[in-house]
């Protein structure tokens, strides 16, 4: 269900099917992004993909106290015009289109009808794009809490619309996204237990990509999840 486009949260309309995605659409859970850096490439450099075992990746995360004072959602400008300004779709809709397991019809103004999506957080199949949110995998408030030095407006916009990684943005059911809100893994995990290892790996990879810190409770929660995730790999590419 991952791809190479990004976006944030949105709307609500009518209907969610409660069927499991795999049984409803014949699919299988999608593994985390798995590209590997050339052996000669220096790790941690923009444009170089790094692959680490989950425990090793968690150990690379800096640990620091969170700082929420001064946070406002509009510090992170979204949605912008997306990867293809000529397609008439903003970042949010580009992510929705990229993650469809059955492609919707696209009308003028990037209006979507039909289609189907698997919501990884709760295992639902969503058949109405209006019932999807595009979630920042690491929520914007959590990003603000975790910036090691204050980001520029340009870097915040780059994160909020990051389509350079298949992990920063994800289309999920609106209900699951609103349950998550701005919580970190010490406070919330997906109801879809089969997704927990992928969720932890994606969270860690996104924080490494954007050089974000974790607090101690968050780190301990990630380590606890990793105990049940033998063989899980975190793959990320540092953001420019």
Protein backbone atom coordinates (compact mmCIF):
# COMPACT_ATOMS: atom_id res chain seq x y z
CA UNK A 1 0.00 0.00 0.00
CA UNK A 2 2.98 2.29 -0.02
CA UNK A 3 3.99 4.36 -2.98
CA UNK A 4 6.07 7.42 -3.73
CA UNK A 5 3.68 10.34 -3.12
CA UNK A 6 2.59 12.37 0.04
CA UNK A 7 -0.21 14.30 1.80
CA UNK A 8 -2.14 14.99 5.10
CA UNK A 9 -5.63 14.54 6.56
CA UNK A 10 -9.07 15.44 5.21
CA UNK A 11 -12.73 14.93 4.85
CA UNK A 12 -15.51 12.63 5.92
CA UNK A 13 -18.42 11.23 3.99
CA UNK A 14 -20.39 8.02 4.31
CA UNK A 15 -19.12 4.39 4.30
CA UNK A 16 -16.51 1.97 5.49
CA UNK A 17 -16.61 -1.75 4.79
CA UNK A 18 -15.53 -3.78 7.80
CA UNK A 19 -14.11 -6.61 5.71
CA UNK A 20 -10.43 -7.35 6.12
CA UNK A 21 -8.47 -5.89 3.17
CA UNK A 22 -6.71 -9.12 2.37
CA UNK A 23 -9.90 -11.20 2.24
CA UNK A 24 -11.95 -8.51 0.50
CA UNK A 25 -9.49 -7.68 -2.26
CA UNK A 26 -7.24 -10.71 -2.31
CA UNK A 27 -4.26 -8.67 -1.23
CA UNK A 28 -1.47 -9.28 1.24
CA UNK A 29 -0.01 -6.84 3.78
CA UNK A 30 2.55 -4.58 2.15
CA UNK A 31 6.01 -4.56 3.64
CA UNK A 32 7.96 -1.38 4.46
CA UNK A 33 9.88 0.40 1.70
CA UNK A 34 12.92 -1.81 1.00
CA UNK A 35 15.67 -0.18 -1.03
CA UNK A 36 19.29 -0.52 0.00
CA UNK A 37 22.16 1.92 -0.20
CA UNK A 38 25.23 0.95 -2.22
CA UNK A 39 27.94 -0.44 0.04
CA UNK A 40 30.27 2.46 -0.79
CA UNK A 41 27.76 5.21 0.01
CA UNK A 42 28.18 7.11 3.29
CA UNK A 43 25.18 6.44 5.59
CA UNK A 44 23.03 9.38 6.56
CA UNK A 45 23.65 11.40 3.39
CA UNK A 46 20.68 12.80 1.42
CA UNK A 47 19.91 10.65 -1.59
CA UNK A 48 21.36 7.51 0.06
CA UNK A 49 18.99 4.81 1.32
CA UNK A 50 20.01 3.11 4.52
CA UNK A 51 18.72 -0.28 5.73
CA UNK A 52 18.95 -1.23 9.42
CA UNK A 53 17.50 -3.83 11.75
CA UNK A 54 14.68 -2.29 13.79
CA UNK A 55 16.61 -2.32 17.09
CA UNK A 56 19.65 -0.73 15.44
CA UNK A 57 17.47 1.94 13.84
CA UNK A 58 15.85 2.80 17.18
CA UNK A 59 19.32 3.17 18.67
CA UNK A 60 20.14 5.83 16.05
CA UNK A 61 17.30 8.07 17.20
CA UNK A 62 18.40 10.96 19.44
CA UNK A 63 16.54 11.08 22.77
CA UNK A 64 15.27 14.46 23.98
CA UNK A 65 12.42 16.03 25.92
CA UNK A 66 9.46 17.15 23.83
CA UNK A 67 8.63 20.83 23.44
CA UNK A 68 5.07 21.79 22.38
CA UNK A 69 5.09 25.52 23.25
CA UNK A 70 4.43 27.61 20.16
CA UNK A 71 3.01 24.83 17.99
CA UNK A 72 0.40 25.80 15.41
CA UNK A 73 -0.76 23.51 12.65
CA UNK A 74 -0.45 26.24 10.03
CA UNK A 75 3.32 26.36 10.64
CA UNK A 76 3.37 23.33 8.28
CA UNK A 77 1.89 24.52 4.98
CA UNK A 78 -0.22 21.87 3.29
CA UNK A 79 -1.45 20.79 0.90
CA UNK A 80 0.68 22.16 -1.94
CA UNK A 81 0.33 21.50 -5.68
CA UNK A 82 1.93 18.09 -5.48
CA UNK A 83 4.50 16.40 -7.67
CA UNK A 84 2.66 17.13 -10.92
CA UNK A 85 1.11 20.61 -10.84
CA UNK A 86 -0.36 19.96 -14.30
CA UNK A 87 -2.52 17.07 -13.05
CA UNK A 88 -4.85 19.36 -11.09
CA UNK A 89 -4.39 17.27 -7.93
CA UNK A 90 -2.86 18.55 -4.70
CA UNK A 91 -0.51 16.43 -2.59
CA UNK A 92 -3.38 14.88 -0.65
CA UNK A 93 -5.18 13.63 -3.73
CA UNK A 94 -1.96 12.44 -5.35
CA UNK A 95 -1.35 10.23 -2.31
CA UNK A 96 -4.91 8.90 -2.43
CA UNK A 97 -4.55 8.09 -6.13
CA UNK A 98 -1.17 6.42 -5.64
CA UNK A 99 -2.41 4.20 -2.79
CA UNK A 100 -5.62 2.99 -4.42
CA UNK A 101 -5.85 -0.80 -4.73
CA UNK A 102 -8.66 -0.24 -7.25
CA UNK A 103 -8.21 2.98 -9.19
CA UNK A 104 -10.94 5.61 -8.89
CA UNK A 105 -12.29 7.66 -11.76
CA UNK A 106 -10.72 11.12 -11.87
CA UNK A 107 -12.86 14.00 -13.16
CA UNK A 108 -12.01 17.66 -13.75
CA UNK A 109 -10.61 19.36 -10.67
CA UNK A 110 -9.27 16.00 -9.44
CA UNK A 111 -12.71 14.89 -8.24
CA UNK A 112 -12.56 11.20 -7.39
CA UNK A 113 -15.31 8.60 -7.63
CA UNK A 114 -15.24 4.85 -7.17
CA UNK A 115 -12.06 3.03 -6.27
CA UNK A 116 -10.98 1.12 -3.16
CA UNK A 117 -8.25 1.50 -0.54
CA UNK A 118 -6.87 -0.62 2.29
CA UNK A 119 -6.62 1.30 5.55
CA UNK A 120 -3.54 -0.20 7.23
CA UNK A 121 -4.29 1.18 10.70
CA UNK A 122 -7.56 -0.69 11.17
CA UNK A 123 -7.60 -3.26 8.37
CA UNK A 124 -10.70 -1.81 6.71
CA UNK A 125 -11.43 -1.57 3.01
CA UNK A 126 -12.59 1.96 2.18
CA UNK A 127 -14.67 2.36 -0.97
CA UNK A 128 -15.32 6.10 -0.79
CA UNK A 129 -12.38 8.52 -1.10
CA UNK A 130 -14.32 10.96 1.05
CA UNK A 131 -13.92 8.57 3.99
CA UNK A 132 -10.13 8.73 3.76
CA UNK A 133 -7.70 10.96 5.60
CA UNK A 134 -4.15 11.38 4.41
CA UNK A 135 -2.14 11.11 7.60
CA UNK A 136 1.31 12.47 8.31
CA UNK A 137 2.80 9.27 9.68
CA UNK A 138 4.61 11.30 12.32
CA UNK A 139 1.92 13.89 13.13
CA UNK A 140 2.72 17.57 12.65
CA UNK A 141 2.49 18.34 16.38
CA UNK A 142 4.85 15.43 17.10
CA UNK A 143 7.26 16.76 14.47
CA UNK A 144 7.24 20.15 16.19
CA UNK A 145 7.86 18.44 19.54
CA UNK A 146 10.77 16.50 18.05
CA UNK A 147 12.63 19.11 15.99
CA UNK A 148 16.11 19.29 17.44
CA UNK A 149 16.50 22.87 16.24
CA UNK A 150 13.62 24.99 14.94
CA UNK A 151 12.95 24.24 11.27
CA UNK A 152 12.56 26.88 8.59
CA UNK A 153 9.11 27.39 7.01
CA UNK A 154 10.47 25.76 3.84
CA UNK A 155 11.57 22.60 5.66
CA UNK A 156 8.23 22.36 7.45
CA UNK A 157 6.38 22.64 4.14
CA UNK A 158 8.71 20.02 2.65
CA UNK A 159 7.82 17.59 5.45
CA UNK A 160 4.10 18.33 5.26
CA UNK A 161 4.07 17.45 1.54
CA UNK A 162 6.86 14.86 1.43
CA UNK A 163 6.46 12.63 -1.58
CA UNK A 164 10.14 11.75 -1.73
CA UNK A 165 9.47 8.85 0.62
CA UNK A 166 6.64 6.30 0.43
CA UNK A 167 6.29 6.47 4.22
CA UNK A 168 5.78 10.08 5.33
CA UNK A 169 2.14 10.19 4.18
CA UNK A 170 -0.44 7.42 4.19
CA UNK A 171 -4.11 7.20 3.20
CA UNK A 172 -6.17 5.61 5.99
CA UNK A 173 -9.74 5.60 7.23
CA UNK A 174 -10.76 8.93 8.73
CA UNK A 175 -11.89 7.18 11.93
CA UNK A 176 -8.50 5.52 12.51
CA UNK A 177 -6.60 8.73 11.80
CA UNK A 178 -8.71 10.70 14.23
CA UNK A 179 -8.24 8.02 16.86
CA UNK A 180 -4.47 8.37 16.40
CA UNK A 181 -4.58 12.20 16.39
CA UNK A 182 -1.11 13.50 17.36
CA UNK A 183 -0.16 10.53 19.56
CA UNK A 184 3.18 8.76 19.42
CA UNK A 185 3.65 4.97 19.81
CA UNK A 186 3.76 5.24 23.61
CA UNK A 187 0.17 6.53 23.46
CA UNK A 188 -1.37 4.84 20.42
CA UNK A 189 -0.88 1.85 18.15
CA UNK A 190 -3.08 0.70 15.27
CA UNK A 191 -5.98 -1.62 16.08
CA UNK A 192 -4.68 -3.81 13.24
CA UNK A 193 -2.14 -5.81 15.28
CA UNK A 194 -0.69 -7.39 12.12
CA UNK A 195 0.55 -3.92 11.16
CA UNK A 196 2.41 -3.16 14.41
CA UNK A 197 5.91 -4.12 13.19
CA UNK A 198 5.48 -2.17 9.97
CA UNK A 199 4.04 0.75 11.93
CA UNK A 200 7.03 0.87 14.29
CA UNK A 201 9.52 0.53 11.43
CA UNK A 202 7.83 3.28 9.42
CA UNK A 203 7.67 5.60 12.44
CA UNK A 204 11.37 5.08 13.15
CA UNK A 205 12.34 5.45 9.48
CA UNK A 206 10.39 8.69 9.15
CA UNK A 207 12.02 10.13 12.26
CA UNK A 208 15.45 9.15 10.96
CA UNK A 209 14.70 10.58 7.51
CA UNK A 210 13.85 13.95 9.05
CA UNK A 211 16.39 13.87 11.91
CA UNK A 212 13.73 13.98 14.62
CA UNK A 213 14.22 13.03 18.27
CA UNK A 214 12.19 10.66 20.45
CA UNK A 215 11.34 11.09 24.11
CA UNK A 216 12.13 8.30 26.57
CA UNK A 217 8.59 6.91 26.79
CA UNK A 218 8.34 6.80 23.00
CA UNK A 219 11.71 5.03 22.72
CA UNK A 220 10.73 2.43 25.32
CA UNK A 221 7.45 1.77 23.50
CA UNK A 222 9.29 1.28 20.21
CA UNK A 223 11.77 -1.09 21.84
CA UNK A 224 8.90 -3.06 23.37
CA UNK A 225 7.24 -3.44 19.97
CA UNK A 226 10.56 -4.44 18.40
CA UNK A 227 10.73 -7.44 20.76
CA UNK A 228 7.98 -9.04 18.66
CA UNK A 229 9.38 -7.93 15.29
CA UNK A 230 12.36 -10.17 14.64
CA UNK A 231 13.64 -9.64 11.12
CA UNK A 232 11.91 -6.28 10.63
CA UNK A 233 14.04 -3.84 8.64
CA UNK A 234 13.89 -0.04 8.68
CA UNK A 235 14.80 1.55 5.36
CA UNK A 236 14.99 5.30 4.94
CA UNK A 237 16.60 8.04 2.90
CA UNK A 238 17.66 11.20 4.75
CA UNK A 239 15.67 14.20 3.56
CA UNK A 240 17.55 16.85 1.58
